[in-house]
Each structure stands twice: as structure tokens, then as C-alpha cells.
C-alpha atoms as a PDB file:
ATOM      1  CA  MET A   1     180.020 -43.758 -54.960  1.00  0.00           C
ATOM      2  CA  LYS A   2     179.574 -40.012 -54.565  1.00  0.00           C
ATOM      3  CA  LEU A   3     176.797 -38.558 -56.714  1.00  0.00           C
ATOM      4  CA  GLU A   4     177.638 -35.941 -59.326  1.00  0.00           C
ATOM      5  CA  VAL A   5     175.533 -33.527 -61.383  1.00  0.00           C
ATOM      6  CA  CYS A   6     173.911 -35.310 -64.363  1.00  0.00           C
ATOM      7  CA  ASP A   7     174.306 -38.788 -62.860  1.00  0.00           C
ATOM      8  CA  ASP A   8     171.321 -40.964 -63.697  1.00  0.00           C
ATOM      9  CA  ILE A   9     169.760 -42.505 -60.587  1.00  0.00           C
ATOM     10  CA  HIS A  10     166.693 -44.352 -59.409  1.00  0.00           C
ATOM     11  CA  LEU A  11     164.746 -44.012 -56.184  1.00  0.00           C
ATOM     12  CA  LYS A  12     165.623 -46.885 -53.809  1.00  0.00           C
ATOM     13  CA  GLU A  13     162.762 -46.537 -51.353  1.00  0.00           C
ATOM     14  CA  GLU A  14     159.080 -45.632 -51.429  1.00  0.00           C
ATOM     15  CA  ILE A  15     158.824 -42.205 -49.773  1.00  0.00           C
ATOM     16  CA  GLU A  16     155.321 -41.075 -48.838  1.00  0.00           C
ATOM     17  CA  GLU A  17     155.735 -37.376 -49.721  1.00  0.00           C
ATOM     18  CA  LEU A  18     157.186 -38.261 -53.135  1.00  0.00           C
ATOM     19  CA  ALA A  19     154.526 -40.921 -53.766  1.00  0.00           C
ATOM     20  CA  GLU A  20     151.874 -38.220 -53.299  1.00  0.00           C
ATOM     21  CA  CYS A  21     153.519 -36.432 -56.265  1.00  0.00           C
ATOM     22  CA  GLY A  22     153.501 -39.583 -58.408  1.00  0.00           C
ATOM     23  CA  ILE A  23     157.178 -40.425 -57.778  1.00  0.00           C
ATOM     24  CA  HIS A  24     157.556 -44.009 -56.574  1.00  0.00           C
ATOM     25  CA  LYS A  25     160.271 -46.497 -55.684  1.00  0.00           C
ATOM     26  CA  GLY A  26     162.215 -47.425 -58.824  1.00  0.00           C
ATOM     27  CA  CYS A  27     161.486 -44.130 -60.589  1.00  0.00           C
ATOM     28  CA  PHE A  28     164.408 -42.946 -62.718  1.00  0.00           C
ATOM     29  CA  GLY A  29     165.843 -39.451 -62.694  1.00  0.00           C
ATOM     30  CA  THR A  30     168.902 -37.275 -63.128  1.00  0.00           C
ATOM     31  CA  VAL A  31     170.773 -35.370 -60.410  1.00  0.00           C
ATOM     32  CA  MET A  32     170.576 -31.627 -61.124  1.00  0.00           C
ATOM     33  CA  GLN A  33     172.205 -30.274 -57.939  1.00  0.00           C
ATOM     34  CA  VAL A  34     174.319 -32.240 -55.503  1.00  0.00           C
ATOM     35  CA  GLY A  35     173.917 -31.427 -51.841  1.00  0.00           C
ATOM     36  CA  GLU A  36     174.528 -32.945 -48.456  1.00  0.00           C
ATOM     37  CA  PRO A  37     172.453 -34.691 -47.220  1.00  0.00           C
ATOM     38  CA  ARG A  38     169.957 -34.063 -50.091  1.00  0.00           C
ATOM     39  CA  SER A  39     170.234 -33.555 -53.820  1.00  0.00           C
ATOM     40  CA  LEU A  40     167.833 -32.037 -56.344  1.00  0.00           C
ATOM     41  CA  VAL A  41     166.660 -34.629 -58.861  1.00  0.00           C
ATOM     42  CA  ILE A  42     164.516 -34.412 -61.969  1.00  0.00           C
ATOM     43  CA  PHE A  43     162.371 -37.563 -62.094  1.00  0.00           C
ATOM     44  CA  TYR A  44     160.833 -38.886 -65.319  1.00  0.00           C
ATOM     45  CA  ASN A  45     157.248 -40.083 -65.585  1.00  0.00           C
ATOM     46  CA  ARG A  46     157.151 -43.493 -67.298  1.00  0.00           C
ATOM     47  CA  GLN A  47     153.398 -43.202 -67.928  1.00  0.00           C
ATOM     48  CA  ASP A  48     153.713 -39.807 -69.657  1.00  0.00           C
ATOM     49  CA  ILE A  49     156.929 -39.529 -71.616  1.00  0.00           C
ATOM     50  CA  GLY A  50     158.114 -35.930 -71.525  1.00  0.00           C
ATOM     51  CA  ASN A  51     156.491 -35.286 -68.152  1.00  0.00           C
ATOM     52  CA  TYR A  52     158.796 -34.725 -65.191  1.00  0.00           C
ATOM     53  CA  ALA A  53     158.952 -33.490 -61.613  1.00  0.00           C
ATOM     54  CA  PHE A  54     161.705 -32.027 -59.445  1.00  0.00           C
ATOM     55  CA  ALA A  55     162.303 -33.197 -55.874  1.00  0.00           C
ATOM     56  CA  TRP A  56     164.908 -32.810 -53.139  1.00  0.00           C
ATOM     57  CA  VAL A  57     165.773 -36.333 -51.995  1.00  0.00           C
ATOM     58  CA  GLU A  58     168.011 -37.689 -49.275  1.00  0.00           C
ATOM     59  CA  ASN A  59     171.125 -39.060 -50.989  1.00  0.00           C
ATOM     60  CA  CYS A  60     170.781 -42.332 -49.069  1.00  0.00           C
ATOM     61  CA  ASN A  61     167.485 -42.908 -50.958  1.00  0.00           C
ATOM     62  CA  LEU A  62     169.126 -42.538 -54.371  1.00  0.00           C
ATOM     63  CA  GLU A  63     170.918 -45.338 -56.156  1.00  0.00           C
ATOM     64  CA  PHE A  64     173.426 -44.583 -58.895  1.00  0.00           C
ATOM     65  CA  TYR A  65     172.355 -45.994 -62.247  1.00  0.00           C
ATOM     66  CA  ARG A  66     174.931 -44.601 -64.701  1.00  0.00           C
ATOM     67  CA  LYS A  67     176.945 -41.576 -65.729  1.00  0.00           C
ATOM     68  CA  GLN A  68     175.351 -39.345 -68.348  1.00  0.00           C
ATOM     69  CA  LEU A  69     176.314 -41.068 -71.590  1.00  0.00           C
ATOM     70  CA  TYR A  70     177.228 -37.994 -73.601  1.00  0.00           C
ATOM     71  CA  GLU A  71     178.912 -34.840 -72.327  1.00  0.00           C
ATOM     72  CA  GLU A  72     177.032 -32.803 -74.936  1.00  0.00           C
ATOM     73  CA  THR A  73     173.695 -34.074 -73.570  1.00  0.00           C
ATOM     74  CA  ALA A  74     174.737 -33.208 -70.015  1.00  0.00           C
ATOM     75  CA  LEU A  75     175.699 -29.676 -71.071  1.00  0.00           C
ATOM     76  CA  GLU A  76     172.377 -29.195 -72.883  1.00  0.00           C
ATOM     77  CA  MET A  77     170.525 -30.459 -69.837  1.00  0.00           C
ATOM     78  CA  MET A  78     172.316 -28.037 -67.517  1.00  0.00           C
ATOM     79  CA  GLU A  79     171.583 -25.117 -69.879  1.00  0.00           C
ATOM     80  CA  TRP A  80     167.910 -26.095 -69.907  1.00  0.00           C
ATOM     81  CA  PHE A  81     167.916 -26.448 -66.107  1.00  0.00           C
ATOM     82  CA  LYS A  82     169.090 -22.820 -65.734  1.00  0.00           C
ATOM     83  CA  THR A  83     165.761 -21.749 -67.283  1.00  0.00           C
ATOM     84  CA  GLN A  84     163.644 -23.821 -64.868  1.00  0.00           C
ATOM     85  CA  ASP A  85     162.122 -23.103 -61.473  1.00  0.00           C
ATOM     86  CA  PRO A  86     162.134 -26.472 -59.658  1.00  0.00           C
ATOM     87  CA  THR A  87     159.567 -25.207 -57.142  1.00  0.00           C
ATOM     88  CA  LYS A  88     156.956 -24.894 -59.913  1.00  0.00           C
ATOM     89  CA  LYS A  89     157.093 -28.500 -61.183  1.00  0.00           C
ATOM     90  CA  THR A  90     157.075 -30.803 -58.156  1.00  0.00           C
ATOM     91  CA  ARG A  91     154.590 -33.467 -59.227  1.00  0.00           C
ATOM     92  CA  PHE A  92     153.785 -35.567 -62.262  1.00  0.00           C
ATOM     93  CA  SER A  93     150.707 -34.668 -64.280  1.00  0.00           C
ATOM     94  CA  GLU A  94     147.833 -36.971 -63.450  1.00  0.00           C
ATOM     95  CA  THR A  95     146.847 -39.671 -65.895  1.00  0.00           C
ATOM     96  CA  HIS A  96     143.185 -40.698 -65.959  1.00  0.00           C
ATOM     97  CA  LEU A  97     143.243 -42.945 -68.990  1.00  0.00           C
ATOM     98  CA  ARG A  98     145.186 -46.074 -69.858  1.00  0.00           C
ATOM     99  CA  GLU A  99     145.935 -48.580 -72.579  1.00  0.00           C
ATOM    100  CA  TYR A 100     142.851 -50.303 -74.104  1.00  0.00           C
ATOM    101  CA  ASP A 101     140.399 -47.637 -72.906  1.00  0.00           C
ATOM    102  CA  ALA A 102     137.681 -46.696 -75.397  1.00  0.00           C
ATOM    103  CA  VAL A 103     137.609 -42.898 -75.578  1.00  0.00           C
ATOM    104  CA  ARG A 104     135.555 -40.134 -77.238  1.00  0.00           C
ATOM    105  CA  VAL A 105     137.006 -36.947 -78.735  1.00  0.00           C
ATOM    106  CA  LEU A 106     135.462 -33.941 -76.964  1.00  0.00           C
ATOM    107  CA  VAL A 107     136.592 -31.110 -79.247  1.00  0.00           C
ATOM    108  CA  GLU A 108     136.945 -30.259 -82.905  1.00  0.00           C
ATOM    109  CA  LYS A 109     140.513 -29.177 -83.648  1.00  0.00           C
ATOM    110  CA  GLU A 110     142.181 -28.497 -86.962  1.00  0.00           C
ATOM    111  CA  GLU A 111     145.224 -30.596 -86.034  1.00  0.00           C
ATOM    112  CA  TYR A 112     142.968 -33.621 -85.451  1.00  0.00           C
ATOM    113  CA  ALA A 113     140.738 -32.946 -88.477  1.00  0.00           C
ATOM    114  CA  LYS A 114     143.802 -33.023 -90.758  1.00  0.00           C
ATOM    115  CA  ARG A 115     144.169 -36.673 -89.748  1.00  0.00           C
ATOM    116  CA  GLY A 116     140.461 -37.437 -90.213  1.00  0.00           C
ATOM    117  CA  VAL A 117     139.559 -37.242 -86.501  1.00  0.00           C
ATOM    118  CA  HIS A 118     136.535 -35.184 -85.438  1.00  0.00           C
ATOM    119  CA  LYS A 119     134.569 -34.338 -82.293  1.00  0.00           C
ATOM    120  CA  GLY A 120     132.433 -37.262 -81.137  1.00  0.00           C
ATOM    121  CA  MET A 121     134.546 -40.004 -82.711  1.00  0.00           C
ATOM    122  CA  VAL A 122     135.230 -43.016 -80.509  1.00  0.00           C
ATOM    123  CA  GLY A 123     138.561 -44.805 -80.647  1.00  0.00           C
ATOM    124  CA  THR A 124     140.831 -47.024 -78.579  1.00  0.00           C
ATOM    125  CA  ILE A 125     144.119 -46.290 -76.856  1.00  0.00           C
ATOM    126  CA  LEU A 126     146.552 -48.989 -77.965  1.00  0.00           C
ATOM    127  CA  GLU A 127     149.797 -47.743 -76.407  1.00  0.00           C
ATOM    128  CA  PRO A 128     150.854 -48.169 -72.752  1.00  0.00           C
ATOM    129  CA  GLU A 129     151.945 -44.558 -72.171  1.00  0.00           C
ATOM    130  CA  LYS A 130     151.098 -41.061 -73.260  1.00  0.00           C
ATOM    131  CA  ILE A 131     153.721 -38.757 -74.726  1.00  0.00           C
ATOM    132  CA  ASP A 132     153.762 -35.065 -73.785  1.00  0.00           C
ATOM    133  CA  GLY A 133     150.189 -35.347 -72.497  1.00  0.00           C
ATOM    134  CA  ARG A 134     148.904 -37.080 -75.662  1.00  0.00           C
ATOM    135  CA  TRP A 135     147.601 -40.601 -76.145  1.00  0.00           C
ATOM    136  CA  ASP A 136     147.904 -42.404 -79.473  1.00  0.00           C
ATOM    137  CA  VAL A 137     144.281 -43.220 -80.238  1.00  0.00           C
ATOM    138  CA  TYR A 138     143.231 -45.548 -83.027  1.00  0.00           C
ATOM    139  CA  PHE A 139     139.981 -44.913 -84.910  1.00  0.00           C
ATOM    140  CA  GLU A 140     138.281 -46.758 -87.770  1.00  0.00           C
ATOM    141  CA  ASP A 141     137.671 -44.546 -90.797  1.00  0.00           C
ATOM    142  CA  GLU A 142     134.100 -43.832 -91.963  1.00  0.00           C
ATOM    143  CA  GLU A 143     134.060 -46.839 -94.317  1.00  0.00           C
ATOM    144  CA  PHE A 144     135.566 -49.145 -91.657  1.00  0.00           C
ATOM    145  CA  ALA A 145     138.225 -49.965 -94.249  1.00  0.00           C
ATOM    146  CA  ASP A 146     141.251 -48.436 -92.591  1.00  0.00           C
ATOM    147  CA  THR A 147     142.575 -47.318 -89.235  1.00  0.00           C
ATOM    148  CA  ILE A 148     143.444 -43.750 -88.301  1.00  0.00           C
ATOM    149  CA  GLU A 149     146.080 -43.251 -85.608  1.00  0.00           C
ATOM    150  CA  SER A 150     146.294 -39.817 -84.022  1.00  0.00           C
ATOM    151  CA  PRO A 151     147.935 -38.369 -80.911  1.00  0.00           C
ATOM    152  CA  ILE A 152     145.167 -36.678 -78.881  1.00  0.00           C
ATOM    153  CA  LEU A 153     145.577 -34.613 -75.708  1.00  0.00           C
ATOM    154  CA  GLU A 154     144.188 -36.440 -72.689  1.00  0.00           C
ATOM    155  CA  THR A 155     142.205 -33.282 -71.819  1.00  0.00           C
ATOM    156  CA  ASP A 156     140.427 -33.597 -75.213  1.00  0.00           C
ATOM    157  CA  LEU A 157     139.239 -37.148 -74.453  1.00  0.00           C
ATOM    158  CA  GLU A 158     136.605 -38.737 -72.235  1.00  0.00           C
ATOM    159  CA  LEU A 159     136.449 -42.338 -71.122  1.00  0.00           C
ATOM    160  CA  VAL A 160     133.656 -44.315 -72.820  1.00  0.00           C
ATOM    161  CA  PHE A 161     134.532 -47.803 -71.649  1.00  0.00           C
ATOM    162  CA  ARG A 162     137.336 -49.468 -69.695  1.00  0.00           C
ATOM    163  CA  PRO A 163     137.745 -53.203 -70.263  1.00  0.00           C
ATOM    164  CA  GLY A 164     137.100 -55.195 -67.098  1.00  0.00           C
ATOM    165  CA  GLU A 165     134.870 -52.556 -65.476  1.00  0.00           C
ATOM    166  CA  GLN A 166     131.073 -52.582 -65.348  1.00  0.00           C
ATOM    167  CA  LYS A 167     129.165 -49.441 -66.257  1.00  0.00           C
END
């Protein structure tokens, strides 16, 4: 099958230069420009929903997954793509934390305080992925009677304890 713009694909092979950017075998993406022998693909980071990276990939390393489900979505995506510079976003953002890590809030921010979360509080990540650079962190309230859930930027957190690792 010949690839077309907005086809959803996945990467068939582990490619060292892509792996260095966080893009590994099985990673899903969407074709943004079709070329011969390579096409430009936007890959999606499963560990950080909303995070993406562009890469030129040999067509033989791409496997068709499905046609874009909705024409309207494909048109929106192409309009968005016109505003992007693929050379500026070629790797996934790094992720230093993971599910079940105990973390401490490093900053006092109004958006966190509105939810009852303040600098120095320790909570636990209970979701397997971050979304737009934020982890859902669960904290006990001051009376230990209820749980506060709040999305916190990874850059505003520090690791306190990782289950299974000795300090």
C-alpha cells in the first residue's frame, strides 16, 4: 500500500538515530509529507500524551496502521502542520519520573494552591503517563481524611522515593 498524507502508521524497526530521540519500534505516528524514499512523520509519545517529535523515515520502515478516521481531523492537522517547523521538534521530551514514584512539590504556584497543593508537599504519581508535561499526583489533605489529585508539571517535582530502589 502506498502511504498518503495523514495515514496513521507505526515504526516497524528499531532505528538507532530515532531511538536516541525517544522514538522506538512500535511507536505510532501520522504521515505529514510523503516522499520517496522517505516520508516526514509526526510520532506520538505514549509516556507523555501531547508530546510529539518529527522525523524523516525510510518508507520501508513504516507500516500502515489506518487511514485518518475523519476528514475534518485530517484537515485540521494539516492546517496546524503549516504553522510548525519540523526541524525544531525532533525528539520527545525526557521523562524522569514514573508511576508510583513519591514526589515533592518544589514551587508554590497559584494554580496548585487552588487545589490545596503547596510547596513541600509529598504525593504519589498514580497514573502511567504524563499529559502535556504534567503528572497526576495524589496527595493526602492536612487531616488525612481525603485525597487531593492535581496535575503538576514534571519540572515542579523532585523524586523522593522510587519503589524497588534503595536510597
